[in-house]
C-alpha atoms as a PDB file:
ATOM      1  CA  MET A   1     202.772 118.522  14.388  1.00  0.00           C
ATOM      2  CA  ALA A   2     201.960 116.427  17.417  1.00  0.00           C
ATOM      3  CA  GLU A   3     200.111 118.028  20.297  1.00  0.00           C
ATOM      4  CA  ALA A   4     200.247 117.272  23.985  1.00  0.00           C
ATOM      5  CA  PRO A   5     197.527 114.755  24.929  1.00  0.00           C
ATOM      6  CA  CYS A   6     196.667 116.850  27.977  1.00  0.00           C
ATOM      7  CA  LEU A   7     195.862 119.810  25.719  1.00  0.00           C
ATOM      8  CA  ARG A   8     193.573 117.661  23.592  1.00  0.00           C
ATOM      9  CA  LEU A   9     191.736 116.403  26.666  1.00  0.00           C
ATOM     10  CA  ALA A  10     191.527 119.795  28.342  1.00  0.00           C
ATOM     11  CA  SER A  11     190.231 121.775  25.366  1.00  0.00           C
ATOM     12  CA  PRO A  12     188.005 121.065  22.369  1.00  0.00           C
ATOM     13  CA  VAL A  13     189.949 120.204  19.221  1.00  0.00           C
ATOM     14  CA  HIS A  14     189.055 121.526  15.810  1.00  0.00           C
ATOM     15  CA  PRO A  15     188.266 118.490  13.620  1.00  0.00           C
ATOM     16  CA  ALA A  16     189.841 120.013  10.504  1.00  0.00           C
ATOM     17  CA  THR A  17     193.159 121.215  11.887  1.00  0.00           C
ATOM     18  CA  GLY A  18     193.516 119.019  14.962  1.00  0.00           C
ATOM     19  CA  PHE A  19     194.546 122.102  16.920  1.00  0.00           C
ATOM     20  CA  ALA A  20     192.864 123.072  20.161  1.00  0.00           C
ATOM     21  CA  MET A  21     190.258 125.756  19.503  1.00  0.00           C
ATOM     22  CA  MET A  22     191.248 127.603  22.663  1.00  0.00           C
ATOM     23  CA  PRO A  23     193.962 130.142  21.775  1.00  0.00           C
ATOM     24  CA  LEU A  24     197.194 129.627  23.711  1.00  0.00           C
ATOM     25  CA  PRO A  25     200.024 132.136  24.091  1.00  0.00           C
ATOM     26  CA  PRO A  26     203.183 131.208  22.130  1.00  0.00           C
ATOM     27  CA  PHE A  27     205.209 130.713  25.293  1.00  0.00           C
ATOM     28  CA  ASP A  28     202.678 128.140  26.515  1.00  0.00           C
ATOM     29  CA  LEU A  29     203.127 126.202  23.290  1.00  0.00           C
ATOM     30  CA  LEU A  30     206.908 126.370  23.687  1.00  0.00           C
ATOM     31  CA  GLN A  31     206.651 125.047  27.238  1.00  0.00           C
ATOM     32  CA  THR A  32     204.472 122.188  26.001  1.00  0.00           C
ATOM     33  CA  ARG A  33     206.933 121.330  23.233  1.00  0.00           C
ATOM     34  CA  ARG A  34     209.789 121.312  25.742  1.00  0.00           C
ATOM     35  CA  GLN A  35     207.865 118.859  27.912  1.00  0.00           C
ATOM     36  CA  LEU A  36     207.180 116.628  24.896  1.00  0.00           C
ATOM     37  CA  SER A  37     210.829 116.775  23.846  1.00  0.00           C
ATOM     38  CA  ARG A  38     212.088 115.382  27.159  1.00  0.00           C
END
């Protein structure tokens, strides 16, 4: 799964999973995916 570059820059990324270590609400992730899908 690709993440938004802004999320990677704004928050520390876990080296193993590649996911931001800061927990984000599901709706925030959906909004990010919508922006990436444009």
